[in-house]
Structures are given as C-alpha cells and as structure tokens.
Amino acid sequence: MNNLKKILAGFALAGVTALNPVSADTESPLPSTMAWTSYPTSSTNYAQLLALGNVLKKKFNVSVRVLPGDNDVSRMTPLRTGRVDLCGCGIASYYASEGVLLFADAAWGPQPVRVIRTSIADFGMGLVVAGDLDVKTPADLKGKKVAWVRGAPSLNLGTEAYLAFGGLSWDDVERVEFPGYNRSFDGIIQGLADAAFTMTSAPAPEQVAASPRGIT
C-alpha cells in the first residue's frame, strides 16, 4: 500500500469529496500542504478532519488547513473554485453532483464531484428541541419555532422529514432563518428558536443541554 492509499483509507473516518479524480495507483509524492473545508468548529465533522490532519502531519509531514463553513454552499464553493483540495461536505456532495436544490443554478449545475470516502458511525440524526417545552413527539412541534439554515438544504430537508413524521410541514411551524449551523443552536439557547437539526454526537446538543433551557 503506497502513501496515497494509506491516506484514502484514513478518509473512511469522514465524508470527504474532491472535484478532481484521484488514482490510488499514483506514485507521485504527497503535497506539502492541503486545504479542506468542513462543517463549523462545533461539529463532529470538523473534529474528524482535524484528527486526520494530525495523522498526516505526524506520518507524512503534510500540513492540513481545515476551513469551517456555516452551510453547504460555503463549504462547496471553495471546492468548486479550486481554493481547497477536499471537502467534508456530507450529503451536499450528492446535491452538487446532481445539480439540484440550491445547486440547480447556471453558476453551479451538476459538479464532477467524486466521493472518496463516507463515514458510517454510531450516531443518530434528528431535531434538538429545547427542554423547557412540552414536546414529546414530532407532532408536538406544531406552532413552535424551528430553525431553517440559509444555504443548507441538507439540514433543512432533514428537518422537513422529521416534521413529516408528525404530520407537519413548514407551514405548521414558525420558520426562523439563521445564517449557519452554529447560529441555529445559539438561537435555541437565546430563545429565538425551539428546535434545530443535527446529529446526536455533535457538540451542539451538549451546549443546548448545558443551557438554562435544557434539551429534549
């Protein structure tokens, strides 16, 4: 196994995409520096990519700069323009490859995105709900303030699916717009929102749980 294969094997820990195809048989030396984009600093994705960067630095003397982005578009744009080499983009990589949702635009269109590795971990996806509300099922979210993150269809579609389990849609809740993932959880703590979408292993739910509002 050459060095590049070792790196690709390491990326099994995180969802990473690249616009330029990479051959596992390439024998060229590794670059001395790399730039990647990730979810915000309070995300599991950011922590994963930092860990991978530390491994590359120790094993191969490769410096990795991880640039956090608040939403799908802010993470994908540097990849499209060539500013970064890789992106920890999650499901947004599929949206960009198909040219759908926010990527259904002449400036984007279907992107030649190649998925190098995806992560399968022991976590769940769902809505963090403030603990000072009497919300026990998705249906109880009717009339509540639910976060909607600009430029992040992956988060918003997840929220939409969760609402659907309670027979609800965005028309049945108060949609509160936020500019990024972190801001939506700050909004819960500050009382501007009641619920936001995330994964159960992310730091954001812990922050809400430690706040005066608590967590459901």
Protein backbone atom coordinates (compact mmCIF):
# COMPACT_ATOMS: atom_id res chain seq x y z
CA MET A 1 0.00 0.00 0.00
CA ASN A 2 1.55 3.29 -1.03
CA ASN A 3 1.20 6.54 0.91
CA LEU A 4 -1.78 7.79 -1.09
CA LYS A 5 -3.66 4.56 -0.46
CA LYS A 6 -2.99 4.97 3.24
CA ILE A 7 -4.46 8.46 3.15
CA LEU A 8 -7.57 7.32 1.28
CA ALA A 9 -8.03 4.54 3.82
CA GLY A 10 -7.88 7.14 6.58
CA PHE A 11 -10.66 9.15 4.97
CA ALA A 12 -13.08 6.36 5.88
CA LEU A 13 -13.48 8.34 9.11
CA ALA A 14 -15.13 11.30 7.40
CA GLY A 15 -17.26 12.13 4.40
CA VAL A 16 -14.82 13.77 2.01
CA THR A 17 -15.30 14.76 -1.62
CA ALA A 18 -13.00 16.04 -4.33
CA LEU A 19 -13.72 17.60 -7.70
CA ASN A 20 -10.62 16.11 -9.32
CA PRO A 21 -10.46 12.29 -9.54
CA VAL A 22 -7.52 10.73 -7.70
CA SER A 23 -5.95 7.44 -8.71
CA ALA A 24 -4.97 5.09 -5.89
CA ASP A 25 -2.07 3.88 -8.07
CA THR A 26 -0.49 7.31 -8.24
CA GLU A 27 3.16 7.23 -7.13
CA SER A 28 3.69 11.00 -7.06
CA PRO A 29 4.85 12.48 -3.73
CA LEU A 30 2.28 13.90 -1.36
CA PRO A 31 1.74 17.68 -1.38
CA SER A 32 3.37 19.52 1.49
CA THR A 33 0.18 21.42 2.27
CA MET A 34 -3.52 20.77 1.74
CA ALA A 35 -6.69 22.76 2.41
CA TRP A 36 -10.05 21.19 3.25
CA THR A 37 -13.46 22.60 4.12
CA SER A 38 -15.66 21.21 6.87
CA TYR A 39 -18.76 21.81 8.93
CA PRO A 40 -18.38 24.52 11.66
CA THR A 41 -15.90 24.23 14.52
CA SER A 42 -18.54 22.84 16.88
CA SER A 43 -19.27 19.88 14.58
CA THR A 44 -18.14 16.27 14.67
CA ASN A 45 -17.00 16.64 11.06
CA TYR A 46 -14.55 19.40 11.98
CA ALA A 47 -13.08 17.30 14.80
CA GLN A 48 -12.71 14.31 12.46
CA LEU A 49 -10.85 16.30 9.83
CA LEU A 50 -8.55 17.86 12.42
CA ALA A 51 -7.70 14.35 13.63
CA LEU A 52 -6.94 13.22 10.08
CA GLY A 53 -4.81 16.30 9.55
CA ASN A 54 -2.80 15.49 12.69
CA VAL A 55 -2.16 11.98 11.40
CA LEU A 56 -0.96 13.28 8.04
CA LYS A 57 1.33 15.77 9.77
CA LYS A 58 2.89 13.16 12.04
CA LYS A 59 3.18 10.36 9.49
CA PHE A 60 3.87 12.23 6.24
CA ASN A 61 4.75 15.81 7.28
CA VAL A 62 1.74 17.11 5.34
CA SER A 63 0.20 20.30 6.72
CA VAL A 64 -3.60 20.40 6.52
CA ARG A 65 -5.62 23.58 6.93
CA VAL A 66 -9.28 22.95 7.78
CA LEU A 67 -11.63 25.81 6.84
CA PRO A 68 -15.03 25.64 8.59
CA GLY A 69 -18.13 26.70 6.66
CA ASP A 70 -21.54 27.63 8.05
CA ASN A 71 -23.60 26.00 5.32
CA ASP A 72 -23.47 23.66 2.30
CA VAL A 73 -22.80 26.41 -0.23
CA SER A 74 -19.98 27.98 1.79
CA ARG A 75 -18.27 24.58 2.04
CA MET A 76 -18.75 23.63 -1.61
CA THR A 77 -17.79 26.97 -3.19
CA PRO A 78 -14.05 26.78 -2.32
CA LEU A 79 -14.02 23.25 -3.75
CA ARG A 80 -15.64 24.39 -7.00
CA THR A 81 -13.22 27.28 -7.40
CA GLY A 82 -10.15 25.18 -6.59
CA ARG A 83 -9.30 27.01 -3.37
CA VAL A 84 -9.36 23.74 -1.40
CA ASP A 85 -8.46 20.16 -2.27
CA LEU A 86 -11.16 18.30 -0.37
CA CYS A 87 -14.47 18.96 1.32
CA GLY A 88 -16.11 17.26 4.28
CA CYS A 89 -19.47 18.01 2.72
CA GLY A 90 -21.81 15.21 3.68
CA ILE A 91 -24.99 14.80 1.64
CA ALA A 92 -24.44 18.19 -0.05
CA SER A 93 -21.88 16.49 -2.28
CA TYR A 94 -24.71 14.46 -3.84
CA TYR A 95 -26.87 17.54 -4.31
CA ALA A 96 -24.00 19.28 -6.10
CA SER A 97 -23.26 16.26 -8.28
CA GLU A 98 -26.91 16.16 -9.39
CA GLY A 99 -27.29 19.94 -9.69
CA VAL A 100 -30.43 20.04 -7.54
CA LEU A 101 -31.90 22.29 -4.84
CA LEU A 102 -29.56 25.27 -4.25
CA PHE A 103 -27.16 23.81 -6.82
CA ALA A 104 -29.78 23.92 -9.60
CA ASP A 105 -28.28 27.13 -10.93
CA ALA A 106 -26.32 28.15 -14.01
CA ALA A 107 -23.35 29.07 -11.83
CA TRP A 108 -23.31 25.55 -10.42
CA GLY A 109 -25.10 22.90 -12.40
CA PRO A 110 -24.02 19.28 -11.89
CA GLN A 111 -20.48 19.25 -10.49
CA PRO A 112 -17.93 16.48 -11.26
CA VAL A 113 -17.71 15.54 -7.58
CA ARG A 114 -16.05 12.29 -6.62
CA VAL A 115 -16.78 10.75 -3.22
CA ILE A 116 -13.55 9.35 -1.82
CA ARG A 117 -14.92 8.00 1.44
CA THR A 118 -18.07 8.24 3.53
CA SER A 119 -18.41 7.71 7.26
CA ILE A 120 -20.68 5.22 8.96
CA ALA A 121 -20.74 5.85 12.69
CA ASP A 122 -22.84 5.05 15.73
CA PHE A 123 -24.96 8.19 15.79
CA GLY A 124 -28.48 9.31 15.01
CA MET A 125 -29.95 12.29 13.15
CA GLY A 126 -32.81 14.39 14.42
CA LEU A 127 -34.01 17.60 15.97
CA VAL A 128 -32.62 19.11 19.14
CA VAL A 129 -35.60 20.56 21.00
CA ALA A 130 -35.45 22.96 23.93
CA GLY A 131 -36.19 21.11 27.16
CA ASP A 132 -38.47 23.79 28.60
CA LEU A 133 -41.18 22.92 26.07
CA ASP A 134 -43.71 20.12 26.31
CA VAL A 135 -42.50 18.42 23.14
CA LYS A 136 -42.54 14.62 23.25
CA THR A 137 -43.30 13.71 19.63
CA PRO A 138 -42.76 15.39 16.24
CA ALA A 139 -46.43 16.34 16.20
CA ASP A 140 -45.88 18.46 19.33
CA LEU A 141 -43.71 20.83 17.29
CA LYS A 142 -46.81 22.40 15.73
CA GLY A 143 -46.62 26.17 16.20
CA LYS A 144 -43.08 26.02 17.60
CA LYS A 145 -40.09 28.00 16.29
CA VAL A 146 -37.98 25.71 14.08
CA ALA A 147 -34.58 26.67 12.67
CA TRP A 148 -34.12 26.95 8.90
CA VAL A 149 -30.48 27.44 7.84
CA ARG A 150 -29.77 29.50 4.72
CA GLY A 151 -27.68 27.71 2.12
CA ALA A 152 -28.02 24.34 3.86
CA PRO A 153 -30.57 22.09 2.12
CA SER A 154 -29.12 19.03 3.86
CA LEU A 155 -30.14 20.38 7.26
CA ASN A 156 -33.47 21.78 6.09
CA LEU A 157 -34.54 18.59 4.30
CA GLY A 158 -33.68 16.61 7.43
CA THR A 159 -35.88 18.93 9.46
CA GLU A 160 -38.65 18.64 6.88
CA ALA A 161 -38.53 14.85 7.06
CA TYR A 162 -38.65 14.92 10.85
CA LEU A 163 -41.69 17.22 10.80
CA ALA A 164 -43.38 14.87 8.34
CA PHE A 165 -43.28 12.10 10.93
CA GLY A 166 -45.63 14.28 12.97
CA GLY A 167 -47.86 15.03 10.01
CA LEU A 168 -46.44 18.56 9.84
CA SER A 169 -44.78 20.76 7.25
CA TRP A 170 -43.03 24.11 7.35
CA ASP A 171 -46.47 25.72 7.13
CA ASP A 172 -47.34 24.28 10.55
CA VAL A 173 -44.37 25.77 12.41
CA GLU A 174 -42.75 29.18 12.72
CA ARG A 175 -39.73 29.04 10.42
CA VAL A 176 -36.83 31.03 11.85
CA GLU A 177 -33.94 31.67 9.44
CA PHE A 178 -30.31 31.52 10.55
CA PRO A 179 -27.14 32.16 8.51
CA GLY A 180 -25.39 29.00 9.69
CA TYR A 181 -25.46 25.75 11.65
CA ASN A 182 -23.90 27.15 14.85
CA ARG A 183 -26.19 30.15 14.86
CA SER A 184 -29.27 27.92 14.91
CA PHE A 185 -28.20 26.37 18.21
CA ASP A 186 -27.24 29.74 19.63
CA GLY A 187 -30.80 30.69 18.68
CA ILE A 188 -32.25 27.87 20.79
CA ILE A 189 -30.19 28.92 23.81
CA GLN A 190 -31.23 32.56 23.33
CA GLY A 191 -34.90 31.69 22.90
CA LEU A 192 -35.04 32.70 19.23
CA ALA A 193 -35.76 29.11 18.15
CA ASP A 194 -37.10 25.95 19.74
CA ALA A 195 -35.59 23.22 17.57
CA ALA A 196 -32.75 22.62 15.10
CA PHE A 197 -31.42 19.67 13.11
CA THR A 198 -28.16 17.90 13.98
CA MET A 199 -26.52 14.56 14.72
CA THR A 200 -26.56 13.14 18.23
CA SER A 201 -22.77 13.00 18.58
CA ALA A 202 -22.17 16.69 17.75
CA PRO A 203 -21.13 19.23 20.41
CA ALA A 204 -24.15 21.45 19.64
CA PRO A 205 -26.68 19.25 21.52
CA GLU A 206 -24.36 19.26 24.53
CA GLN A 207 -24.31 23.05 24.52
CA VAL A 208 -28.11 23.20 24.46
CA ALA A 209 -28.31 20.57 27.21
CA ALA A 210 -26.00 22.65 29.41
CA SER A 211 -28.03 25.83 28.86
CA PRO A 212 -30.88 27.00 31.14
CA ARG A 213 -33.41 25.72 28.60
CA GLY A 214 -32.10 22.15 28.67
CA ILE A 215 -32.75 19.62 25.95
CA THR A 216 -35.32 17.12 24.72
